[in-house]
Structure formats: C-alpha cells, structure tokens
Amino acid sequence: MQATTAGSAVLQKTRELCQTILDQPEYQKIRQGLDGFLGDDQLRDQYQLLSEKGETLQQKQQSGGQLTDQEIAEFESERQAFMQNPVARSFLEAQHEMQRMQESLTHYVNKTFELGRVPEETDFASCGHGCNCHH
C-alpha cells in the first residue's frame, strides 16, 4: 500500500489534519509562546547555558560524583532567574502543550493501527498492562 504517495487519500487527510491543527486557537497560543522565545536571542542563550549546566550536573551525578551545595545553588539561582521571565515561562508552557498534543495524536494513530478501527474513548481507559500510562 502506497499510503504516502502525493495523491493518496491518507496523505490528503493527513494534510487536512495538519491544517486543522494549525487553525486551532490552542495551537495559535502555543505558536505565540514559541515565537516569543525564538525572537529573543538573549533569552535563548540563557536557556542554552542553563540546559548545558543542567546536563553537566546530571552527568556528574550519574557518574558517581557528588554535587556541591554551591553547584546546586548556582544552578537553582540561574533557573529561577530564567523562570522569572514571562516569555521564558510561556515558552516552557508552549513546549509542554505541544508535546501533549503530539503524544495525543500519536496515541490515537497507534491505537487505530492496534485495533484496526477508529478508537473510541473507552479504548483509552487503560492499556491493560498495568503501566500506569493513564490512557
């Protein structure tokens, strides 16, 4: 089955779904949160440095090293400074909402393949494996 060829019905419906997503007010809000952050070079640099420092501390800890109180305090101080910025908070919220939206879509498509039909809400009550996935 060539479901992804240029003229296929699946591809056409996928494109329609993509447009529907773009048209949603929730998506517009997410996009604003992302765009505000992406347009602020200083904030992006601050985020990059904070992420790198967090990764470094995590690697140190995972390799058996002890984090000093000073390292923890410096990281927390930088994280709090970043979070004081409303554009930064909007960005992180937008990232979270985008991830939730992607997970929901993926879950529906995966469940469709699993069931061989369009899933209903009751199909998401539990995965049946005790994994606490809350679906």
N, C-alpha and C. Protein backbone atom coordinates (compact mmCIF):
# COMPACT_ATOMS: atom_id res chain seq x y z
N MET A 1 0.85 -1.18 0.00
CA MET A 1 0.00 0.00 0.00
C MET A 1 0.89 1.24 0.00
N GLN A 2 0.66 2.12 -0.94
CA GLN A 2 1.42 3.36 -1.03
C GLN A 2 0.62 4.48 -0.39
N ALA A 3 0.60 4.51 0.94
CA ALA A 3 -0.22 5.47 1.68
C ALA A 3 0.38 6.87 1.69
N THR A 4 1.63 7.00 1.29
CA THR A 4 2.27 8.31 1.39
C THR A 4 2.63 8.91 0.03
N THR A 5 2.08 8.37 -1.03
CA THR A 5 2.34 8.98 -2.33
C THR A 5 1.56 10.28 -2.44
N ALA A 6 2.01 11.14 -3.33
CA ALA A 6 1.48 12.50 -3.42
C ALA A 6 -0.03 12.58 -3.53
N GLY A 7 -0.66 11.68 -4.23
CA GLY A 7 -2.10 11.77 -4.44
C GLY A 7 -2.93 10.86 -3.56
N SER A 8 -2.32 10.18 -2.61
CA SER A 8 -3.06 9.21 -1.81
C SER A 8 -4.07 9.89 -0.88
N ALA A 9 -5.13 9.14 -0.59
CA ALA A 9 -6.16 9.65 0.32
C ALA A 9 -5.61 9.85 1.73
N VAL A 10 -4.74 8.96 2.18
CA VAL A 10 -4.18 9.07 3.53
C VAL A 10 -3.35 10.35 3.64
N LEU A 11 -2.55 10.62 2.63
CA LEU A 11 -1.74 11.84 2.66
C LEU A 11 -2.62 13.08 2.61
N GLN A 12 -3.66 13.04 1.80
CA GLN A 12 -4.57 14.18 1.72
C GLN A 12 -5.25 14.43 3.07
N LYS A 13 -5.73 13.38 3.69
CA LYS A 13 -6.38 13.53 5.00
C LYS A 13 -5.37 13.98 6.07
N THR A 14 -4.14 13.52 5.95
CA THR A 14 -3.10 13.95 6.89
C THR A 14 -2.86 15.43 6.74
N ARG A 15 -2.81 15.90 5.52
CA ARG A 15 -2.62 17.33 5.28
C ARG A 15 -3.80 18.13 5.84
N GLU A 16 -5.02 17.59 5.68
CA GLU A 16 -6.20 18.26 6.24
C GLU A 16 -6.11 18.31 7.77
N LEU A 17 -5.65 17.22 8.38
CA LEU A 17 -5.46 17.20 9.82
C LEU A 17 -4.45 18.26 10.24
N CYS A 18 -3.35 18.34 9.49
CA CYS A 18 -2.33 19.35 9.80
C CYS A 18 -2.92 20.76 9.74
N GLN A 19 -3.73 21.03 8.75
CA GLN A 19 -4.34 22.36 8.64
C GLN A 19 -5.31 22.60 9.79
N THR A 20 -6.05 21.57 10.16
CA THR A 20 -6.98 21.68 11.29
C THR A 20 -6.22 22.02 12.56
N ILE A 21 -5.08 21.37 12.77
CA ILE A 21 -4.26 21.66 13.94
C ILE A 21 -3.82 23.11 13.92
N LEU A 22 -3.32 23.56 12.77
CA LEU A 22 -2.84 24.94 12.65
C LEU A 22 -3.95 25.95 12.90
N ASP A 23 -5.18 25.59 12.58
CA ASP A 23 -6.31 26.51 12.73
C ASP A 23 -6.85 26.58 14.16
N GLN A 24 -6.43 25.69 15.03
CA GLN A 24 -6.95 25.65 16.39
C GLN A 24 -6.41 26.81 17.22
N PRO A 25 -7.27 27.47 18.00
CA PRO A 25 -6.80 28.55 18.89
C PRO A 25 -5.72 28.08 19.85
N GLU A 26 -5.82 26.83 20.31
CA GLU A 26 -4.80 26.30 21.22
C GLU A 26 -3.43 26.29 20.54
N TYR A 27 -3.41 25.91 19.27
CA TYR A 27 -2.15 25.89 18.55
C TYR A 27 -1.61 27.30 18.36
N GLN A 28 -2.49 28.23 18.08
CA GLN A 28 -2.06 29.62 17.90
C GLN A 28 -1.38 30.15 19.18
N LYS A 29 -1.95 29.79 20.32
CA LYS A 29 -1.36 30.20 21.59
C LYS A 29 0.01 29.55 21.79
N ILE A 30 0.12 28.27 21.46
CA ILE A 30 1.39 27.56 21.55
C ILE A 30 2.42 28.24 20.66
N ARG A 31 2.02 28.55 19.45
CA ARG A 31 2.93 29.17 18.48
C ARG A 31 3.43 30.51 18.98
N GLN A 32 2.55 31.29 19.61
CA GLN A 32 2.95 32.58 20.16
C GLN A 32 4.01 32.41 21.24
N GLY A 33 3.82 31.40 22.09
CA GLY A 33 4.79 31.13 23.14
C GLY A 33 6.14 30.74 22.58
N LEU A 34 6.14 29.96 21.54
CA LEU A 34 7.40 29.55 20.91
C LEU A 34 8.05 30.71 20.17
N ASP A 35 7.26 31.45 19.42
CA ASP A 35 7.81 32.55 18.62
C ASP A 35 8.39 33.65 19.49
N GLY A 36 7.75 33.95 20.61
CA GLY A 36 8.27 34.98 21.51
C GLY A 36 9.65 34.61 22.02
N PHE A 37 9.82 33.36 22.35
CA PHE A 37 11.12 32.88 22.83
C PHE A 37 12.15 32.88 21.70
N LEU A 38 11.76 32.37 20.54
CA LEU A 38 12.69 32.28 19.42
C LEU A 38 13.16 33.64 18.94
N GLY A 39 12.37 34.67 19.18
CA GLY A 39 12.74 36.02 18.77
C GLY A 39 13.62 36.75 19.76
N ASP A 40 13.96 36.12 20.87
CA ASP A 40 14.76 36.76 21.92
C ASP A 40 16.10 36.05 22.04
N ASP A 41 17.12 36.59 21.36
CA ASP A 41 18.44 35.96 21.34
C ASP A 41 19.03 35.79 22.74
N GLN A 42 18.90 36.80 23.56
CA GLN A 42 19.46 36.76 24.92
C GLN A 42 18.80 35.66 25.74
N LEU A 43 17.50 35.54 25.64
CA LEU A 43 16.77 34.52 26.38
C LEU A 43 17.14 33.12 25.88
N ARG A 44 17.28 32.97 24.57
CA ARG A 44 17.69 31.68 24.01
C ARG A 44 19.08 31.29 24.51
N ASP A 45 20.00 32.26 24.55
CA ASP A 45 21.34 31.98 25.06
C ASP A 45 21.29 31.57 26.53
N GLN A 46 20.47 32.26 27.31
CA GLN A 46 20.31 31.95 28.72
C GLN A 46 19.78 30.51 28.88
N TYR A 47 18.82 30.16 28.06
CA TYR A 47 18.23 28.81 28.10
C TYR A 47 19.28 27.76 27.73
N GLN A 48 20.06 28.05 26.70
CA GLN A 48 21.11 27.13 26.25
C GLN A 48 22.13 26.88 27.36
N LEU A 49 22.58 27.96 28.00
CA LEU A 49 23.55 27.82 29.08
C LEU A 49 22.98 27.04 30.26
N LEU A 50 21.73 27.33 30.58
CA LEU A 50 21.07 26.63 31.68
C LEU A 50 20.92 25.15 31.36
N SER A 51 20.55 24.84 30.14
CA SER A 51 20.41 23.44 29.73
C SER A 51 21.75 22.71 29.80
N GLU A 52 22.79 23.36 29.29
CA GLU A 52 24.12 22.74 29.32
C GLU A 52 24.59 22.51 30.74
N LYS A 53 24.36 23.49 31.61
CA LYS A 53 24.77 23.33 33.01
C LYS A 53 23.99 22.20 33.66
N GLY A 54 22.71 22.11 33.38
CA GLY A 54 21.89 21.02 33.92
C GLY A 54 22.38 19.66 33.45
N GLU A 55 22.72 19.55 32.18
CA GLU A 55 23.24 18.29 31.65
C GLU A 55 24.57 17.93 32.29
N THR A 56 25.43 18.92 32.46
CA THR A 56 26.73 18.68 33.08
C THR A 56 26.57 18.17 34.51
N LEU A 57 25.68 18.80 35.26
CA LEU A 57 25.44 18.37 36.64
C LEU A 57 24.83 16.97 36.68
N GLN A 58 23.94 16.70 35.76
CA GLN A 58 23.31 15.38 35.72
C GLN A 58 24.35 14.30 35.37
N GLN A 59 25.22 14.59 34.42
CA GLN A 59 26.26 13.62 34.05
C GLN A 59 27.21 13.38 35.22
N LYS A 60 27.55 14.44 35.92
CA LYS A 60 28.43 14.31 37.08
C LYS A 60 27.80 13.39 38.11
N GLN A 61 26.52 13.63 38.36
CA GLN A 61 25.82 12.84 39.37
C GLN A 61 25.67 11.38 38.92
N GLN A 62 25.37 11.16 37.64
CA GLN A 62 25.20 9.80 37.13
C GLN A 62 26.50 9.02 37.10
N SER A 63 27.61 9.73 37.01
CA SER A 63 28.90 9.03 37.00
C SER A 63 29.45 8.84 38.42
N GLY A 64 28.63 9.12 39.41
CA GLY A 64 29.01 8.87 40.79
C GLY A 64 29.58 10.06 41.53
N GLY A 65 29.67 11.20 40.86
CA GLY A 65 30.18 12.40 41.50
C GLY A 65 29.14 13.03 42.41
N GLN A 66 29.62 13.71 43.40
CA GLN A 66 28.73 14.42 44.32
C GLN A 66 28.61 15.87 43.88
N LEU A 67 27.39 16.37 43.83
CA LEU A 67 27.17 17.78 43.52
C LEU A 67 27.40 18.58 44.80
N THR A 68 28.11 19.67 44.66
CA THR A 68 28.35 20.52 45.82
C THR A 68 27.15 21.42 46.05
N ASP A 69 27.03 21.91 47.26
CA ASP A 69 25.95 22.84 47.58
C ASP A 69 26.04 24.09 46.70
N GLN A 70 27.27 24.51 46.40
CA GLN A 70 27.47 25.70 45.57
C GLN A 70 26.98 25.44 44.14
N GLU A 71 27.28 24.27 43.59
CA GLU A 71 26.82 23.94 42.24
C GLU A 71 25.30 23.93 42.17
N ILE A 72 24.69 23.32 43.16
CA ILE A 72 23.23 23.25 43.21
C ILE A 72 22.63 24.65 43.35
N ALA A 73 23.19 25.44 44.23
CA ALA A 73 22.67 26.79 44.47
C ALA A 73 22.82 27.67 43.23
N GLU A 74 23.97 27.56 42.55
CA GLU A 74 24.17 28.35 41.33
C GLU A 74 23.17 27.96 40.25
N PHE A 75 22.97 26.65 40.08
CA PHE A 75 22.02 26.19 39.07
C PHE A 75 20.61 26.65 39.42
N GLU A 76 20.22 26.49 40.66
CA GLU A 76 18.88 26.92 41.08
C GLU A 76 18.68 28.42 40.89
N SER A 77 19.69 29.18 41.20
CA SER A 77 19.62 30.63 41.03
C SER A 77 19.44 31.00 39.55
N GLU A 78 20.19 30.35 38.69
CA GLU A 78 20.08 30.62 37.25
C GLU A 78 18.72 30.15 36.72
N ARG A 79 18.25 29.03 37.21
CA ARG A 79 16.95 28.51 36.78
C ARG A 79 15.83 29.46 37.22
N GLN A 80 15.91 29.93 38.44
CA GLN A 80 14.89 30.85 38.94
C GLN A 80 14.91 32.17 38.17
N ALA A 81 16.11 32.65 37.84
CA ALA A 81 16.21 33.88 37.05
C ALA A 81 15.57 33.69 35.69
N PHE A 82 15.79 32.56 35.09
CA PHE A 82 15.18 32.26 33.79
C PHE A 82 13.66 32.22 33.92
N MET A 83 13.18 31.55 34.96
CA MET A 83 11.74 31.39 35.14
C MET A 83 11.03 32.68 35.51
N GLN A 84 11.76 33.69 35.95
CA GLN A 84 11.15 34.98 36.26
C GLN A 84 10.69 35.70 35.00
N ASN A 85 11.25 35.33 33.87
CA ASN A 85 10.91 35.97 32.62
C ASN A 85 9.60 35.39 32.09
N PRO A 86 8.57 36.22 31.86
CA PRO A 86 7.29 35.69 31.39
C PRO A 86 7.39 35.05 30.00
N VAL A 87 8.30 35.51 29.16
CA VAL A 87 8.48 34.90 27.83
C VAL A 87 9.04 33.49 27.99
N ALA A 88 9.94 33.32 28.95
CA ALA A 88 10.51 32.00 29.22
C ALA A 88 9.43 31.04 29.72
N ARG A 89 8.61 31.52 30.63
CA ARG A 89 7.52 30.67 31.16
C ARG A 89 6.55 30.30 30.05
N SER A 90 6.22 31.26 29.20
CA SER A 90 5.31 30.98 28.07
C SER A 90 5.92 29.95 27.13
N PHE A 91 7.23 30.07 26.91
CA PHE A 91 7.92 29.11 26.05
C PHE A 91 7.85 27.70 26.63
N LEU A 92 8.14 27.56 27.92
CA LEU A 92 8.13 26.24 28.54
C LEU A 92 6.71 25.66 28.55
N GLU A 93 5.72 26.48 28.80
CA GLU A 93 4.33 26.03 28.75
C GLU A 93 3.95 25.61 27.34
N ALA A 94 4.40 26.38 26.35
CA ALA A 94 4.11 26.05 24.95
C ALA A 94 4.77 24.73 24.57
N GLN A 95 6.00 24.53 25.00
CA GLN A 95 6.69 23.27 24.73
C GLN A 95 5.91 22.10 25.31
N HIS A 96 5.47 22.26 26.54
CA HIS A 96 4.72 21.21 27.23
C HIS A 96 3.40 20.91 26.49
N GLU A 97 2.69 21.94 26.11
CA GLU A 97 1.42 21.75 25.41
C GLU A 97 1.62 21.12 24.03
N MET A 98 2.69 21.52 23.34
CA MET A 98 2.99 20.94 22.04
C MET A 98 3.28 19.45 22.19
N GLN A 99 4.03 19.10 23.22
CA GLN A 99 4.35 17.71 23.47
C GLN A 99 3.08 16.91 23.78
N ARG A 100 2.21 17.48 24.58
CA ARG A 100 0.95 16.80 24.91
C ARG A 100 0.11 16.59 23.66
N MET A 101 0.06 17.59 22.79
CA MET A 101 -0.70 17.48 21.56
C MET A 101 -0.12 16.37 20.67
N GLN A 102 1.20 16.34 20.54
CA GLN A 102 1.86 15.32 19.73
C GLN A 102 1.62 13.93 20.30
N GLU A 103 1.73 13.79 21.61
CA GLU A 103 1.50 12.50 22.24
C GLU A 103 0.07 12.02 22.04
N SER A 104 -0.88 12.93 22.13
CA SER A 104 -2.27 12.56 21.93
C SER A 104 -2.52 12.07 20.52
N LEU A 105 -2.00 12.80 19.55
CA LEU A 105 -2.16 12.39 18.15
C LEU A 105 -1.51 11.05 17.88
N THR A 106 -0.29 10.89 18.39
CA THR A 106 0.43 9.63 18.20
C THR A 106 -0.33 8.48 18.84
N HIS A 107 -0.87 8.73 20.02
CA HIS A 107 -1.61 7.70 20.73
C HIS A 107 -2.83 7.26 19.92
N TYR A 108 -3.57 8.22 19.37
CA TYR A 108 -4.74 7.88 18.56
C TYR A 108 -4.36 7.08 17.32
N VAL A 109 -3.33 7.51 16.62
CA VAL A 109 -2.91 6.80 15.41
C VAL A 109 -2.43 5.39 15.77
N ASN A 110 -1.61 5.27 16.81
CA ASN A 110 -1.13 3.95 17.22
C ASN A 110 -2.28 3.04 17.62
N LYS A 111 -3.25 3.59 18.33
CA LYS A 111 -4.41 2.79 18.75
C LYS A 111 -5.23 2.35 17.53
N THR A 112 -5.30 3.21 16.52
CA THR A 112 -6.00 2.85 15.28
C THR A 112 -5.34 1.65 14.62
N PHE A 113 -4.01 1.68 14.52
CA PHE A 113 -3.28 0.54 13.95
C PHE A 113 -3.48 -0.71 14.80
N GLU A 114 -3.45 -0.55 16.10
CA GLU A 114 -3.60 -1.69 17.01
C GLU A 114 -4.98 -2.33 16.90
N LEU A 115 -6.01 -1.50 16.85
CA LEU A 115 -7.38 -2.01 16.86
C LEU A 115 -7.92 -2.33 15.47
N GLY A 116 -7.37 -1.69 14.46
CA GLY A 116 -7.89 -1.87 13.11
C GLY A 116 -9.19 -1.12 12.88
N ARG A 117 -9.44 -0.12 13.70
CA ARG A 117 -10.63 0.72 13.59
C ARG A 117 -10.34 2.05 14.29
N VAL A 118 -11.24 2.99 14.12
CA VAL A 118 -11.08 4.27 14.80
C VAL A 118 -11.37 4.04 16.29
N PRO A 119 -10.45 4.42 17.14
CA PRO A 119 -10.65 4.19 18.57
C PRO A 119 -11.73 5.09 19.16
N GLU A 120 -12.35 4.58 20.19
CA GLU A 120 -13.34 5.34 20.96
C GLU A 120 -12.72 5.67 22.31
N GLU A 121 -13.33 6.58 23.02
CA GLU A 121 -12.80 7.00 24.31
C GLU A 121 -12.58 5.81 25.26
N THR A 122 -13.49 4.85 25.22
CA THR A 122 -13.37 3.70 26.11
C THR A 122 -12.12 2.86 25.80
N ASP A 123 -11.61 2.98 24.59
CA ASP A 123 -10.40 2.23 24.21
C ASP A 123 -9.16 2.76 24.91
N PHE A 124 -9.27 3.95 25.48
CA PHE A 124 -8.11 4.57 26.12
C PHE A 124 -8.17 4.50 27.64
N ALA A 125 -9.14 3.78 28.18
CA ALA A 125 -9.31 3.70 29.63
C ALA A 125 -8.07 3.12 30.31
N SER A 126 -7.47 2.13 29.70
CA SER A 126 -6.26 1.50 30.26
C SER A 126 -5.57 0.73 29.16
N CYS A 127 -4.27 0.68 29.23
CA CYS A 127 -3.54 -0.09 28.23
C CYS A 127 -3.59 -1.57 28.54
N GLY A 128 -4.02 -1.92 29.77
CA GLY A 128 -4.17 -3.32 30.12
C GLY A 128 -2.90 -3.97 30.62
N HIS A 129 -1.82 -3.24 30.69
CA HIS A 129 -0.55 -3.84 31.11
C HIS A 129 -0.09 -3.35 32.49
N GLY A 130 -0.93 -2.60 33.17
CA GLY A 130 -0.56 -2.12 34.48
C GLY A 130 0.59 -1.12 34.48
N CYS A 131 0.73 -0.40 33.39
CA CYS A 131 1.89 0.50 33.29
C CYS A 131 1.60 1.89 33.83
N ASN A 132 0.39 2.14 34.30
CA ASN A 132 0.03 3.45 34.81
C ASN A 132 0.20 4.57 33.79
N CYS A 133 -0.06 4.24 32.53
CA CYS A 133 0.11 5.26 31.48
C CYS A 133 -1.04 6.25 31.47
N HIS A 134 -2.09 5.99 32.20
CA HIS A 134 -3.23 6.91 32.35
C HIS A 134 -3.97 7.15 31.04
N HIS A 135 -3.95 6.18 30.16
CA HIS A 135 -4.69 6.33 28.89
C HIS A 135 -5.90 5.45 28.92
